[in-house]
């Protein structure tokens, strides 16, 4: 069976793709990313006595009224004259005249449901962006069965957060908590409308924090992973801690079937609040960048750069003229911290940088030349809105320790491929082939130091004493580090 990342969107009768946590059939909200995963057995622990288990009833009684159902009517889609063609396809006219016509018309109006929660007594509501994307009409229903037509103040697909506004006063509200204080094993509960069953309560524990979701469009959020049951319709609902504080917005699940299978993911509330404040104030979300490409540091790369363990974000490329370049960042630097927040994996860095105000001073802790350094960078605002080939006229020289056949690029070839590198990989075998180096790659550096010649590369490889070297290579338009064991 296929393992699938499912966005908590809309369940629907007519959709061919299952959704994780909202229900309906809105066009454009279906999104599935296949991914294989194996379940790990949990270690045995001593079961607590029944008296030790928490009672959530008072929490639900106090804050449940602030959780709402979000009903959505989408935009009607015109049916094409012929199957497989868009309504505006010019071939429609040809087939309408000379083929067998199909009846024109519109598809049934798409409808969907999700959840949300009231964050201010004057009617601001938080939910998921994919719940209300492409919505023509949004209705918010409270627990006392009142209904309000809601205005979409704004939505942010990068974090899957949306803000709604209803015309009401003295509404019950939730309390906002601190997601950074969550710990694995801590009890949490979700309240939402799975399959339309309004104000359903499910409980579980925090499975992990700062979790990245492969294939997810929400690249600026590190998710809270829980085992709280989340199903279609829960999307956009709150995740509470035992103190009755909202710590996240339930957003996605991992599933092989389209339904809950024990892994659910919530957007941390601090990320959602930042987006909410910007959308209410300006109607848009401003993010920052420093203009570097980064990758994770594995055990081999950590060894090649002299780190005590795999951690941080390895800089593979620094964009010329970007804030990172102006601050002095270099390919081969390892970012270990951003403004005092430790960086364990590279997926943390985009969100940390994006949340900074453009032009503000951000302190980076960087590992360079075997020791830590501090670099001040001023991020800039993110504007919203094939294999390299060279001739083989020169004789290739073997870098036998690494399994590389290399030759120097001519000045004309360097101009054609727009590279600062000098060494082209013509053939590859042995350790380099095992590491994933390919013919056509261009060698730029070794262990953070640029190499201009084959002799430079050989010399750098020998310095590692037979362990691992980190080759900085240019492939197409990207620069990446590849750890290669010295043969």
Protein backbone atom coordinates (compact mmCIF):
# COMPACT_ATOMS: atom_id res chain seq x y z
CA UNK A 1 0.00 0.00 0.00
CA UNK A 2 1.02 3.57 -0.51
CA UNK A 3 1.98 5.71 2.47
CA UNK A 4 0.68 9.24 2.06
CA UNK A 5 1.10 12.67 3.60
CA UNK A 6 -2.39 14.12 3.68
CA UNK A 7 -3.29 17.72 4.23
CA UNK A 8 -6.15 18.23 6.63
CA UNK A 9 -8.52 19.53 4.07
CA UNK A 10 -11.99 18.57 2.99
CA UNK A 11 -13.69 15.17 2.78
CA UNK A 12 -15.76 14.84 -0.08
CA UNK A 13 -17.90 12.56 -1.97
CA UNK A 14 -16.58 13.43 -5.38
CA UNK A 15 -12.84 13.84 -4.72
CA UNK A 16 -10.47 11.16 -5.91
CA UNK A 17 -7.82 12.12 -3.33
CA UNK A 18 -8.36 11.60 0.39
CA UNK A 19 -7.80 14.44 2.82
CA UNK A 20 -6.60 14.31 6.35
CA UNK A 21 -8.41 16.74 8.50
CA UNK A 22 -11.18 18.63 6.87
CA UNK A 23 -14.10 17.47 4.88
CA UNK A 24 -15.50 18.51 1.53
CA UNK A 25 -14.62 18.58 -2.14
CA UNK A 26 -13.13 22.00 -2.79
CA UNK A 27 -11.05 22.12 -5.98
CA UNK A 28 -7.38 22.80 -5.47
CA UNK A 29 -7.34 21.65 -1.87
CA UNK A 30 -6.43 18.05 -2.63
CA UNK A 31 -2.77 17.39 -2.10
CA UNK A 32 -1.05 14.08 -1.42
CA UNK A 33 2.63 13.19 -1.26
CA UNK A 34 3.65 9.55 -1.18
CA UNK A 35 6.25 8.51 1.33
CA UNK A 36 7.25 5.12 2.77
CA UNK A 37 7.78 4.66 6.49
CA UNK A 38 8.15 1.77 8.90
CA UNK A 39 6.54 1.76 12.33
CA UNK A 40 8.84 1.33 15.32
CA UNK A 41 7.80 -0.65 18.38
CA UNK A 42 7.36 1.46 21.52
CA UNK A 43 9.42 0.49 24.56
CA UNK A 44 7.49 -1.14 27.36
CA UNK A 45 6.67 1.08 30.33
CA UNK A 46 4.85 0.58 33.58
CA UNK A 47 1.18 1.46 33.05
CA UNK A 48 -0.05 4.27 35.31
CA UNK A 49 -2.98 3.65 37.59
CA UNK A 50 -6.42 4.80 36.43
CA UNK A 51 -6.37 7.54 39.07
CA UNK A 52 -3.27 9.06 37.44
CA UNK A 53 -4.91 9.56 34.03
CA UNK A 54 -5.99 13.16 33.34
CA UNK A 55 -9.61 14.29 33.22
CA UNK A 56 -10.17 16.68 30.31
CA UNK A 57 -13.82 17.44 31.02
CA UNK A 58 -13.32 20.80 32.76
CA UNK A 59 -10.94 21.96 30.03
CA UNK A 60 -13.45 21.05 27.31
CA UNK A 61 -16.31 22.67 29.24
CA UNK A 62 -14.38 25.92 29.63
CA UNK A 63 -12.77 26.26 26.18
CA UNK A 64 -14.92 24.05 23.93
CA UNK A 65 -17.36 26.93 23.20
CA UNK A 66 -14.51 28.85 21.52
CA UNK A 67 -14.06 26.06 18.95
CA UNK A 68 -16.13 26.50 15.79
CA UNK A 69 -17.16 24.61 12.70
CA UNK A 70 -16.11 26.21 9.39
CA UNK A 71 -18.41 25.40 6.44
CA UNK A 72 -17.21 26.37 2.98
CA UNK A 73 -18.91 26.75 -0.39
CA UNK A 74 -16.41 26.73 -3.23
CA UNK A 75 -16.45 28.24 -6.70
CA UNK A 76 -18.43 26.31 -9.31
CA UNK A 77 -16.29 24.76 -12.06
CA UNK A 78 -17.40 24.75 -15.69
CA UNK A 79 -17.49 21.36 -17.40
CA UNK A 80 -15.56 21.08 -20.66
CA UNK A 81 -17.38 20.08 -23.86
CA UNK A 82 -15.14 17.04 -24.17
CA UNK A 83 -13.51 14.87 -21.51
CA UNK A 84 -9.90 15.70 -20.72
CA UNK A 85 -10.07 19.26 -22.07
CA UNK A 86 -10.18 22.54 -20.19
CA UNK A 87 -13.27 24.69 -20.83
CA UNK A 88 -11.24 27.30 -22.71
CA UNK A 89 -9.26 24.85 -24.88
CA UNK A 90 -9.36 25.99 -28.56
CA UNK A 91 -9.81 22.35 -29.64
CA UNK A 92 -13.24 22.42 -27.99
CA UNK A 93 -14.53 24.44 -30.95
CA UNK A 94 -13.05 21.98 -33.46
CA UNK A 95 -14.58 18.94 -31.79
CA UNK A 96 -17.87 20.74 -31.22
CA UNK A 97 -18.17 21.15 -35.02
CA UNK A 98 -16.76 17.87 -36.25
CA UNK A 99 -16.90 15.53 -33.28
CA UNK A 100 -19.54 14.19 -30.95
CA UNK A 101 -20.44 16.99 -28.52
CA UNK A 102 -20.91 16.56 -24.80
CA UNK A 103 -23.50 18.60 -22.87
CA UNK A 104 -22.12 21.85 -21.45
CA UNK A 105 -22.75 22.89 -17.89
CA UNK A 106 -21.22 23.22 -14.45
CA UNK A 107 -20.10 20.71 -11.88
CA UNK A 108 -22.08 20.57 -8.63
CA UNK A 109 -21.05 23.38 -6.28
CA UNK A 110 -18.15 22.08 -4.14
CA UNK A 111 -18.68 22.17 -0.39
CA UNK A 112 -16.41 21.41 2.54
CA UNK A 113 -16.05 21.56 6.29
CA UNK A 114 -13.24 22.16 8.72
CA UNK A 115 -12.68 23.57 12.19
CA UNK A 116 -11.39 26.77 13.74
CA UNK A 117 -11.16 28.62 17.04
CA UNK A 118 -11.97 32.14 18.23
CA UNK A 119 -8.91 34.16 19.28
CA UNK A 120 -10.58 37.51 20.05
CA UNK A 121 -13.95 38.38 21.53
CA UNK A 122 -14.73 40.67 18.58
CA UNK A 123 -14.72 37.80 16.10
CA UNK A 124 -11.27 36.88 14.75
CA UNK A 125 -11.00 33.14 14.03
CA UNK A 126 -7.94 31.02 13.19
CA UNK A 127 -8.13 28.01 10.86
CA UNK A 128 -6.06 26.31 8.14
CA UNK A 129 -5.44 28.03 4.82
CA UNK A 130 -6.41 24.93 2.85
CA UNK A 131 -9.83 24.88 4.55
CA UNK A 132 -10.86 28.21 3.01
CA UNK A 133 -8.72 28.30 -0.15
CA UNK A 134 -10.85 28.92 -3.25
CA UNK A 135 -13.88 29.59 -1.05
CA UNK A 136 -16.82 31.56 -2.43
CA UNK A 137 -18.67 31.60 0.89
CA UNK A 138 -17.53 30.77 4.45
CA UNK A 139 -19.88 30.16 7.38
CA UNK A 140 -18.75 29.88 11.01
CA UNK A 141 -20.99 27.85 13.34
CA UNK A 142 -20.60 28.10 17.13
CA UNK A 143 -21.45 25.44 19.69
CA UNK A 144 -24.73 27.16 20.59
CA UNK A 145 -25.79 26.72 16.93
CA UNK A 146 -25.46 30.35 15.91
CA UNK A 147 -24.16 30.90 12.36
CA UNK A 148 -22.13 33.80 11.00
CA UNK A 149 -21.01 34.65 7.49
CA UNK A 150 -17.23 35.02 7.72
CA UNK A 151 -14.85 37.22 5.78
CA UNK A 152 -11.46 35.73 4.87
CA UNK A 153 -9.06 38.38 6.20
CA UNK A 154 -6.12 36.58 4.63
CA UNK A 155 -4.42 33.23 4.25
CA UNK A 156 -0.84 32.05 4.07
CA UNK A 157 -0.22 28.80 2.21
CA UNK A 158 3.41 28.58 3.36
CA UNK A 159 2.31 28.00 6.96
CA UNK A 160 -1.22 26.74 6.20
CA UNK A 161 -2.76 29.45 8.39
CA UNK A 162 -5.83 31.58 7.64
CA UNK A 163 -7.63 34.34 9.55
CA UNK A 164 -11.41 34.79 9.40
CA UNK A 165 -13.56 37.63 10.80
CA UNK A 166 -17.17 37.36 11.89
CA UNK A 167 -19.43 40.26 12.93
CA UNK A 168 -20.02 39.49 16.62
CA UNK A 169 -19.03 40.68 20.08
CA UNK A 170 -18.40 39.16 23.53
CA UNK A 171 -17.50 35.81 22.03
CA UNK A 172 -15.78 33.06 24.07
CA UNK A 173 -12.06 32.83 23.28
CA UNK A 174 -9.20 30.38 23.77
CA UNK A 175 -6.02 31.05 25.73
CA UNK A 176 -2.76 31.02 23.77
CA UNK A 177 0.14 28.92 25.08
CA UNK A 178 3.84 28.54 24.34
CA UNK A 179 4.56 25.73 21.85
CA UNK A 180 8.30 25.92 22.55
CA UNK A 181 7.72 24.50 26.03
CA UNK A 182 6.06 21.31 24.75
CA UNK A 183 7.85 18.06 25.49
CA UNK A 184 7.42 14.60 23.95
CA UNK A 185 5.16 12.49 26.15
CA UNK A 186 3.04 15.44 27.31
CA UNK A 187 -0.75 15.07 27.15
CA UNK A 188 -2.61 17.13 24.53
CA UNK A 189 -6.17 17.16 23.17
CA UNK A 190 -7.82 18.19 19.92
CA UNK A 191 -11.33 19.61 19.50
CA UNK A 192 -12.86 19.78 16.06
CA UNK A 193 -15.49 18.49 13.64
CA UNK A 194 -14.28 15.16 12.22
CA UNK A 195 -16.66 13.99 9.48
CA UNK A 196 -19.01 16.80 10.56
CA UNK A 197 -19.38 15.61 14.18
CA UNK A 198 -19.03 19.06 15.77
CA UNK A 199 -16.98 19.61 18.92
CA UNK A 200 -15.58 16.10 19.08
CA UNK A 201 -12.75 15.69 21.60
CA UNK A 202 -9.75 13.37 21.09
CA UNK A 203 -6.70 12.99 23.30
CA UNK A 204 -3.13 11.76 23.02
CA UNK A 205 0.45 12.75 23.66
CA UNK A 206 3.10 14.84 21.95
CA UNK A 207 5.16 12.41 19.87
CA UNK A 208 7.84 14.90 18.78
CA UNK A 209 8.45 18.61 18.29
CA UNK A 210 10.14 20.60 15.50
CA UNK A 211 9.19 17.93 13.00
CA UNK A 212 9.58 18.64 9.28
CA UNK A 213 7.11 17.03 6.89
CA UNK A 214 8.72 15.81 3.63
CA UNK A 215 6.91 17.07 0.55
CA UNK A 216 4.83 19.56 2.47
CA UNK A 217 4.28 23.06 1.03
CA UNK A 218 4.44 24.46 4.55
CA UNK A 219 8.18 25.03 4.40
CA UNK A 220 8.24 27.69 7.15
CA UNK A 221 6.66 25.59 9.91
CA UNK A 222 8.24 22.96 12.15
CA UNK A 223 5.30 20.77 13.11
CA UNK A 224 4.21 19.34 16.46
CA UNK A 225 3.73 15.60 15.95
CA UNK A 226 1.11 13.89 18.13
CA UNK A 227 -0.85 10.65 18.27
CA UNK A 228 -4.12 12.53 18.82
CA UNK A 229 -6.82 11.15 16.51
CA UNK A 230 -7.30 13.68 13.69
CA UNK A 231 -9.66 12.96 10.80
CA UNK A 232 -11.31 14.84 7.92
CA UNK A 233 -13.06 17.83 9.48
CA UNK A 234 -10.49 18.35 12.29
CA UNK A 235 -8.44 20.58 10.02
CA UNK A 236 -7.92 24.05 11.49
CA UNK A 237 -9.02 23.06 14.99
CA UNK A 238 -6.98 23.77 18.15
CA UNK A 239 -4.50 21.52 19.93
CA UNK A 240 -4.66 22.14 23.71
CA UNK A 241 -2.18 21.35 26.47
CA UNK A 242 -3.32 20.31 29.96
CA UNK A 243 -3.34 23.94 31.09
CA UNK A 244 -6.13 24.67 28.59
CA UNK A 245 -3.82 26.67 26.31
CA UNK A 246 -3.79 26.34 22.54
CA UNK A 247 -0.33 25.22 21.41
CA UNK A 248 -1.06 24.38 17.77
CA UNK A 249 -3.46 24.18 14.84
CA UNK A 250 -4.20 20.62 13.64
CA UNK A 251 -3.22 20.51 9.99
CA UNK A 252 -2.00 17.23 8.49
CA UNK A 253 -1.81 13.48 9.03
CA UNK A 254 0.31 10.62 7.77
CA UNK A 255 -1.81 7.80 6.39
CA UNK A 256 -1.81 4.75 4.15
CA UNK A 257 -5.59 4.69 3.95
CA UNK A 258 -6.73 8.34 3.96
CA UNK A 259 -7.81 8.09 7.61
CA UNK A 260 -6.06 8.53 10.94
CA UNK A 261 -3.22 6.05 11.59
CA UNK A 262 -1.58 7.44 14.71
CA UNK A 263 0.47 10.33 13.29
CA UNK A 264 -0.97 13.83 13.19
CA UNK A 265 0.76 17.19 12.80
CA UNK A 266 -0.07 20.66 14.13
CA UNK A 267 1.30 24.08 13.18
CA UNK A 268 2.86 25.63 16.33
CA UNK A 269 0.73 28.47 17.68
CA UNK A 270 3.62 30.97 17.76
CA UNK A 271 4.01 30.55 13.97
CA UNK A 272 0.24 30.96 13.51
CA UNK A 273 0.13 34.05 15.75
CA UNK A 274 2.90 35.74 13.80
CA UNK A 275 1.00 35.15 10.57
CA UNK A 276 -2.30 36.25 12.14
CA UNK A 277 -0.90 39.56 13.39
CA UNK A 278 0.59 40.40 9.99
CA UNK A 279 -2.55 39.46 8.07
CA UNK A 280 -4.77 41.56 10.34
CA UNK A 281 -2.40 44.53 10.25
CA UNK A 282 -1.30 44.59 6.61
CA UNK A 283 -3.22 41.84 4.78
CA UNK A 284 0.01 40.11 3.79
CA UNK A 285 2.88 38.15 5.34
CA UNK A 286 6.42 39.50 5.16
CA UNK A 287 9.33 37.04 5.37
CA UNK A 288 13.08 37.39 5.28
CA UNK A 289 15.92 35.60 3.53
CA UNK A 290 19.71 35.68 3.61
CA UNK A 291 20.35 34.10 0.20
CA UNK A 292 22.06 30.81 0.99
CA UNK A 293 21.34 27.19 0.11
CA UNK A 294 21.70 24.73 2.98
CA UNK A 295 21.62 21.00 3.66
CA UNK A 296 21.65 18.67 6.64
CA UNK A 297 24.92 17.59 8.23
CA UNK A 298 25.18 13.80 8.36
CA UNK A 299 27.76 11.78 10.30
CA UNK A 300 30.27 11.76 7.45
CA UNK A 301 30.01 15.50 6.84
CA UNK A 302 30.30 16.18 10.58
CA UNK A 303 33.51 14.15 10.61
CA UNK A 304 34.93 15.94 7.57
CA UNK A 305 34.29 19.38 9.11
CA UNK A 306 35.48 18.43 12.60
CA UNK A 307 32.10 18.73 14.36
CA UNK A 308 31.49 16.77 17.54
CA UNK A 309 28.26 15.30 16.13
CA UNK A 310 25.90 15.74 13.15
CA UNK A 311 24.12 19.05 13.71
CA UNK A 312 23.50 22.42 12.14
CA UNK A 313 22.86 23.53 8.55
CA UNK A 314 25.69 23.27 6.05
CA UNK A 315 25.92 26.20 3.62
CA UNK A 316 26.32 24.88 0.07
CA UNK A 317 26.01 28.12 -1.88
CA UNK A 318 25.97 31.83 -1.07
CA UNK A 319 24.10 34.02 -3.53
CA UNK A 320 26.27 36.86 -4.77
CA UNK A 321 25.17 40.23 -3.37
CA UNK A 322 22.64 38.66 -0.98
CA UNK A 323 22.66 39.42 2.79
CA UNK A 324 24.63 36.24 3.53
CA UNK A 325 27.32 37.23 1.05
CA UNK A 326 27.52 40.77 2.47
CA UNK A 327 27.87 39.36 5.99
CA UNK A 328 30.76 37.11 4.94
CA UNK A 329 29.09 33.69 4.95
CA UNK A 330 30.92 31.10 2.86
CA UNK A 331 30.18 27.73 1.33
CA UNK A 332 31.31 25.20 3.94
CA UNK A 333 30.11 27.22 6.93
CA UNK A 334 27.83 25.29 9.26
CA UNK A 335 25.07 27.37 10.88
CA UNK A 336 24.73 26.16 14.48
CA UNK A 337 22.46 28.87 15.88
CA UNK A 338 20.20 31.79 14.96
CA UNK A 339 19.80 34.52 17.59
CA UNK A 340 20.56 32.06 20.38
CA UNK A 341 18.28 29.29 19.09
CA UNK A 342 20.28 26.11 18.49
CA UNK A 343 20.01 24.63 15.00
CA UNK A 344 19.95 20.84 14.96
CA UNK A 345 18.69 20.29 11.41
CA UNK A 346 18.72 22.44 8.29
CA UNK A 347 14.91 22.47 8.11
CA UNK A 348 14.81 24.79 11.14
CA UNK A 349 16.71 27.62 9.46
CA UNK A 350 14.18 28.85 6.83
CA UNK A 351 11.51 29.40 9.49
CA UNK A 352 13.91 31.07 11.93
CA UNK A 353 15.22 33.49 9.29
CA UNK A 354 11.79 34.07 7.73
CA UNK A 355 10.37 35.24 11.06
CA UNK A 356 12.96 38.02 11.40
CA UNK A 357 12.15 41.57 10.36
CA UNK A 358 13.81 42.57 7.07
CA UNK A 359 16.83 44.77 7.78
CA UNK A 360 17.12 43.71 11.43
CA UNK A 361 20.43 42.42 12.82
CA UNK A 362 20.48 38.64 13.26
CA UNK A 363 23.29 36.85 15.07
CA UNK A 364 24.40 33.57 13.48
CA UNK A 365 26.64 31.09 15.26
CA UNK A 366 28.75 29.50 12.53
CA UNK A 367 31.27 26.65 12.52
CA UNK A 368 34.23 27.52 10.28
CA UNK A 369 37.76 26.11 10.09
CA UNK A 370 37.18 23.88 13.10
CA UNK A 371 35.93 26.54 15.50
CA UNK A 372 32.76 28.54 16.22
CA UNK A 373 32.38 32.13 15.02
CA UNK A 374 29.66 34.78 15.27
CA UNK A 375 28.41 36.55 12.16
CA UNK A 376 25.86 39.37 12.02
CA UNK A 377 23.57 39.28 9.01
CA UNK A 378 20.76 41.64 7.98
CA UNK A 379 18.05 39.65 6.15
CA UNK A 380 16.12 41.09 3.24
CA UNK A 381 12.44 40.68 2.40
CA UNK A 382 11.43 37.73 0.23
CA UNK A 383 9.60 39.08 -2.83
CA UNK A 384 6.25 37.29 -3.05
CA UNK A 385 4.95 36.79 -5.91
CA UNK A 386 20.24 20.26 -17.73
CA UNK A 387 23.12 18.52 -16.63
CA UNK A 388 26.25 20.46 -17.36
CA UNK A 389 27.89 19.35 -20.58
CA UNK A 390 31.44 20.08 -21.69
CA UNK A 391 33.65 18.73 -24.46
CA UNK A 392 36.18 16.02 -23.65
CA UNK A 393 39.03 17.24 -25.84
CA UNK A 394 41.41 17.42 -22.88
CA UNK A 395 42.79 14.23 -21.45
CA UNK A 396 41.21 13.28 -18.13
CA UNK A 397 43.39 12.93 -15.05
CA UNK A 398 42.55 10.34 -12.41
CA UNK A 399 42.01 11.39 -8.79
CA UNK A 400 42.38 7.72 -7.87
CA UNK A 401 41.83 8.06 -4.14
CA UNK A 402 38.29 9.26 -4.70
CA UNK A 403 37.42 7.35 -7.88
CA UNK A 404 37.17 10.48 -10.03
CA UNK A 405 38.28 11.12 -13.61
CA UNK A 406 38.70 14.91 -13.85
CA UNK A 407 39.79 17.51 -16.33
CA UNK A 408 40.03 21.29 -16.36
CA UNK A 409 37.29 23.37 -17.92
CA UNK A 410 38.22 25.79 -20.67
CA UNK A 411 37.40 29.51 -20.19
CA UNK A 412 34.66 29.22 -22.86
CA UNK A 413 33.10 26.21 -21.08
CA UNK A 414 33.14 28.09 -17.76
CA UNK A 415 31.26 30.96 -19.37
CA UNK A 416 28.72 28.61 -20.93
CA UNK A 417 27.89 26.82 -17.68
CA UNK A 418 28.26 29.98 -15.52
CA UNK A 419 30.56 28.46 -12.94
CA UNK A 420 33.51 29.54 -10.82
CA UNK A 421 34.78 25.96 -10.73
CA UNK A 422 37.65 24.59 -12.80
CA UNK A 423 37.30 20.80 -12.55
CA UNK A 424 34.80 18.72 -14.52
CA UNK A 425 33.95 15.14 -13.52
CA UNK A 426 34.25 13.08 -16.74
CA UNK A 427 33.90 9.65 -15.17
CA UNK A 428 33.29 8.29 -11.70
CA UNK A 429 33.64 4.99 -9.86
CA UNK A 430 34.63 3.63 -6.45
CA UNK A 431 34.00 5.85 -3.39
CA UNK A 432 32.80 8.85 -5.40
CA UNK A 433 30.26 6.76 -7.32
CA UNK A 434 29.01 5.22 -4.08
CA UNK A 435 28.58 8.74 -2.63
CA UNK A 436 26.46 9.88 -5.58
CA UNK A 437 28.92 12.01 -7.59
CA UNK A 438 27.94 12.02 -11.29
CA UNK A 439 29.70 12.68 -14.61
CA UNK A 440 29.07 16.32 -15.51
CA UNK A 441 29.38 17.56 -11.92
CA UNK A 442 31.80 20.42 -11.38
CA UNK A 443 34.10 20.29 -8.34
CA UNK A 444 34.23 23.63 -6.52
CA UNK A 445 35.90 22.82 -3.20
CA UNK A 446 36.97 20.28 -0.60
CA UNK A 447 36.05 20.60 3.10
CA UNK A 448 35.07 24.24 2.62
CA UNK A 449 38.25 25.25 0.78
CA UNK A 450 38.10 26.11 -2.93
CA UNK A 451 40.15 23.95 -5.33
CA UNK A 452 41.52 25.33 -8.58
CA UNK A 453 43.40 22.32 -9.89
CA UNK A 454 43.57 18.52 -9.71
CA UNK A 455 46.67 18.84 -7.54
CA UNK A 456 44.70 21.02 -5.09
CA UNK A 457 42.06 18.31 -4.83
CA UNK A 458 44.57 15.50 -4.35
CA UNK A 459 46.38 17.49 -1.66
CA UNK A 460 43.16 18.26 0.21
CA UNK A 461 42.10 14.60 0.06
CA UNK A 462 45.41 13.42 1.54
CA UNK A 463 45.06 15.80 4.51
CA UNK A 464 42.08 13.83 5.81
CA UNK A 465 44.24 10.83 6.68
CA UNK A 466 42.10 8.25 4.88
CA UNK A 467 38.73 9.20 6.35
CA UNK A 468 36.09 11.37 4.65
CA UNK A 469 36.26 14.44 2.44
CA UNK A 470 33.32 16.76 1.70
CA UNK A 471 33.26 17.68 -1.98
CA UNK A 472 31.40 20.87 -2.88
CA UNK A 473 29.97 20.24 -6.34
CA UNK A 474 27.92 22.24 -8.78
CA UNK A 475 25.11 20.26 -10.43
CA UNK A 476 22.78 22.08 -12.80
CA UNK A 477 22.01 25.32 -10.91
CA UNK A 478 22.55 23.91 -7.39
CA UNK A 479 25.59 23.58 -5.17
CA UNK A 480 25.70 20.69 -2.69
CA UNK A 481 28.22 18.98 -0.43
CA UNK A 482 28.79 15.26 -0.98
CA UNK A 483 30.76 13.27 1.65
CA UNK A 484 33.18 10.81 -0.01
CA UNK A 485 35.28 8.21 1.80
CA UNK A 486 38.93 8.32 0.74
CA UNK A 487 39.92 4.97 -0.86
